[in-house]
Amino acid sequence: MLRIPLDRTRLRILAWLEEPDVASRGLTADDVAARLGVPRPAAVTHLRLLTALGLLRAVPRDGCPHYRRDELRISDVAQMFEKGW
């Protein structure tokens, strides 16, 4: 997990998912592509990487995955870095 740095795009996705209205419904790849102005395949790549790292969870809804933050995992990772890992 730590060998793959989070670039600004992935940090922006994580920050966007903290907004209350977005956090409650989650984001689709199309949402991310439109908001960030990137092609859909690029958005899917970012979302899959964040999911593989355990920072997002994909919840199926309306036939497509909606991504939400995994707050417990994010907290665990933050604590690792605070300890100087």
C-alpha atoms as a PDB file:
ATOM      1  CA  MET A   1       0.000   0.000   0.000  1.00  0.00           C
ATOM      2  CA  LEU A   2       2.701   2.459   0.950  1.00  0.00           C
ATOM      3  CA  ARG A   3       4.689   1.892  -2.234  1.00  0.00           C
ATOM      4  CA  ILE A   4       1.925   3.549  -4.285  1.00  0.00           C
ATOM      5  CA  PRO A   5       1.829   7.259  -3.445  1.00  0.00           C
ATOM      6  CA  LEU A   6      -1.448   9.082  -3.395  1.00  0.00           C
ATOM      7  CA  ASP A   7      -1.341  11.799  -6.004  1.00  0.00           C
ATOM      8  CA  ARG A   8      -3.356  14.980  -5.796  1.00  0.00           C
ATOM      9  CA  THR A   9      -6.203  13.482  -7.817  1.00  0.00           C
ATOM     10  CA  ARG A  10      -6.742  10.680  -5.324  1.00  0.00           C
ATOM     11  CA  LEU A  11      -6.426  13.085  -2.416  1.00  0.00           C
ATOM     12  CA  ARG A  12      -9.065  15.293  -4.072  1.00  0.00           C
ATOM     13  CA  ILE A  13     -11.384  12.287  -4.416  1.00  0.00           C
ATOM     14  CA  LEU A  14     -10.941  11.437  -0.723  1.00  0.00           C
ATOM     15  CA  ALA A  15     -11.585  15.065   0.249  1.00  0.00           C
ATOM     16  CA  TRP A  16     -14.653  15.284  -1.973  1.00  0.00           C
ATOM     17  CA  LEU A  17     -16.050  12.171  -0.312  1.00  0.00           C
ATOM     18  CA  GLU A  18     -15.888  13.955   3.047  1.00  0.00           C
ATOM     19  CA  GLU A  19     -18.561  16.451   1.971  1.00  0.00           C
ATOM     20  CA  PRO A  20     -21.802  15.478   3.756  1.00  0.00           C
ATOM     21  CA  ASP A  21     -24.062  15.207   0.681  1.00  0.00           C
ATOM     22  CA  VAL A  22     -21.447  13.259  -1.265  1.00  0.00           C
ATOM     23  CA  ALA A  23     -20.565  11.044   1.707  1.00  0.00           C
ATOM     24  CA  SER A  24     -24.193   9.982   2.113  1.00  0.00           C
ATOM     25  CA  ARG A  25     -24.714   8.902  -1.511  1.00  0.00           C
ATOM     26  CA  GLY A  26     -21.171   8.038  -2.603  1.00  0.00           C
ATOM     27  CA  LEU A  27     -19.545   8.664  -5.955  1.00  0.00           C
ATOM     28  CA  THR A  28     -19.621   6.816  -9.238  1.00  0.00           C
ATOM     29  CA  ALA A  29     -16.801   6.744 -11.769  1.00  0.00           C
ATOM     30  CA  ASP A  30     -18.889   9.056 -13.957  1.00  0.00           C
ATOM     31  CA  ASP A  31     -19.197  11.559 -11.067  1.00  0.00           C
ATOM     32  CA  VAL A  32     -15.429  11.573 -10.588  1.00  0.00           C
ATOM     33  CA  ALA A  33     -14.699  11.879 -14.304  1.00  0.00           C
ATOM     34  CA  ALA A  34     -17.078  14.831 -14.684  1.00  0.00           C
ATOM     35  CA  ARG A  35     -15.942  16.670 -11.575  1.00  0.00           C
ATOM     36  CA  LEU A  36     -12.222  16.240 -12.191  1.00  0.00           C
ATOM     37  CA  GLY A  37     -12.359  16.577 -15.959  1.00  0.00           C
ATOM     38  CA  VAL A  38     -10.629  13.267 -16.587  1.00  0.00           C
ATOM     39  CA  PRO A  39     -11.637  10.406 -18.879  1.00  0.00           C
ATOM     40  CA  ARG A  40     -13.853   7.778 -17.259  1.00  0.00           C
ATOM     41  CA  PRO A  41     -11.145   5.065 -17.485  1.00  0.00           C
ATOM     42  CA  ALA A  42      -8.798   7.323 -15.497  1.00  0.00           C
ATOM     43  CA  ALA A  43     -11.499   7.871 -12.862  1.00  0.00           C
ATOM     44  CA  VAL A  44     -12.083   4.107 -12.646  1.00  0.00           C
ATOM     45  CA  THR A  45      -8.347   3.536 -12.182  1.00  0.00           C
ATOM     46  CA  HIS A  46      -8.169   6.029  -9.301  1.00  0.00           C
ATOM     47  CA  LEU A  47     -11.255   4.566  -7.620  1.00  0.00           C
ATOM     48  CA  ARG A  48     -10.029   0.985  -7.990  1.00  0.00           C
ATOM     49  CA  LEU A  49      -6.635   1.865  -6.562  1.00  0.00           C
ATOM     50  CA  LEU A  50      -8.186   3.617  -3.553  1.00  0.00           C
ATOM     51  CA  THR A  51     -10.460   0.595  -3.096  1.00  0.00           C
ATOM     52  CA  ALA A  52      -7.532  -1.827  -3.343  1.00  0.00           C
ATOM     53  CA  LEU A  53      -5.717   0.220  -0.697  1.00  0.00           C
ATOM     54  CA  GLY A  54      -8.764  -0.155   1.530  1.00  0.00           C
ATOM     55  CA  LEU A  55      -9.470   3.572   1.660  1.00  0.00           C
ATOM     56  CA  LEU A  56     -12.767   3.271  -0.241  1.00  0.00           C
ATOM     57  CA  ARG A  57     -15.568   0.741  -0.281  1.00  0.00           C
ATOM     58  CA  ALA A  58     -17.632   0.058  -3.387  1.00  0.00           C
ATOM     59  CA  VAL A  59     -21.357  -0.356  -2.689  1.00  0.00           C
ATOM     60  CA  PRO A  60     -23.519  -1.562  -5.585  1.00  0.00           C
ATOM     61  CA  ARG A  61     -26.477   0.736  -6.231  1.00  0.00           C
ATOM     62  CA  ASP A  62     -28.576   1.270  -9.351  1.00  0.00           C
ATOM     63  CA  GLY A  63     -26.440  -1.156 -11.311  1.00  0.00           C
ATOM     64  CA  CYS A  64     -23.088   0.537 -10.715  1.00  0.00           C
ATOM     65  CA  PRO A  65     -20.687   0.856  -7.804  1.00  0.00           C
ATOM     66  CA  HIS A  66     -20.922   3.904  -5.565  1.00  0.00           C
ATOM     67  CA  TYR A  67     -17.702   4.559  -3.699  1.00  0.00           C
ATOM     68  CA  ARG A  68     -17.547   5.709  -0.089  1.00  0.00           C
ATOM     69  CA  ARG A  69     -14.688   6.361   2.286  1.00  0.00           C
ATOM     70  CA  ASP A  70     -13.735   3.617   4.723  1.00  0.00           C
ATOM     71  CA  GLU A  71     -13.226   5.848   7.745  1.00  0.00           C
ATOM     72  CA  LEU A  72     -11.863   3.061   9.963  1.00  0.00           C
ATOM     73  CA  ARG A  73      -9.170   2.148   7.452  1.00  0.00           C
ATOM     74  CA  ILE A  74      -8.287   5.812   6.825  1.00  0.00           C
ATOM     75  CA  SER A  75      -7.961   6.303  10.579  1.00  0.00           C
ATOM     76  CA  ASP A  76      -5.690   3.255  10.864  1.00  0.00           C
ATOM     77  CA  VAL A  77      -3.433   4.512   8.070  1.00  0.00           C
ATOM     78  CA  ALA A  78      -3.298   8.008   9.600  1.00  0.00           C
ATOM     79  CA  GLN A  79      -2.279   6.522  12.957  1.00  0.00           C
ATOM     80  CA  MET A  80       0.513   4.540  11.279  1.00  0.00           C
ATOM     81  CA  PHE A  81       1.926   7.728   9.797  1.00  0.00           C
ATOM     82  CA  GLU A  82       1.561   9.617  13.071  1.00  0.00           C
ATOM     83  CA  LYS A  83       3.697   6.952  14.730  1.00  0.00           C
ATOM     84  CA  GLY A  84       6.432   7.602  12.174  1.00  0.00           C
ATOM     85  CA  TRP A  85       5.888   4.545  10.043  1.00  0.00           C
END
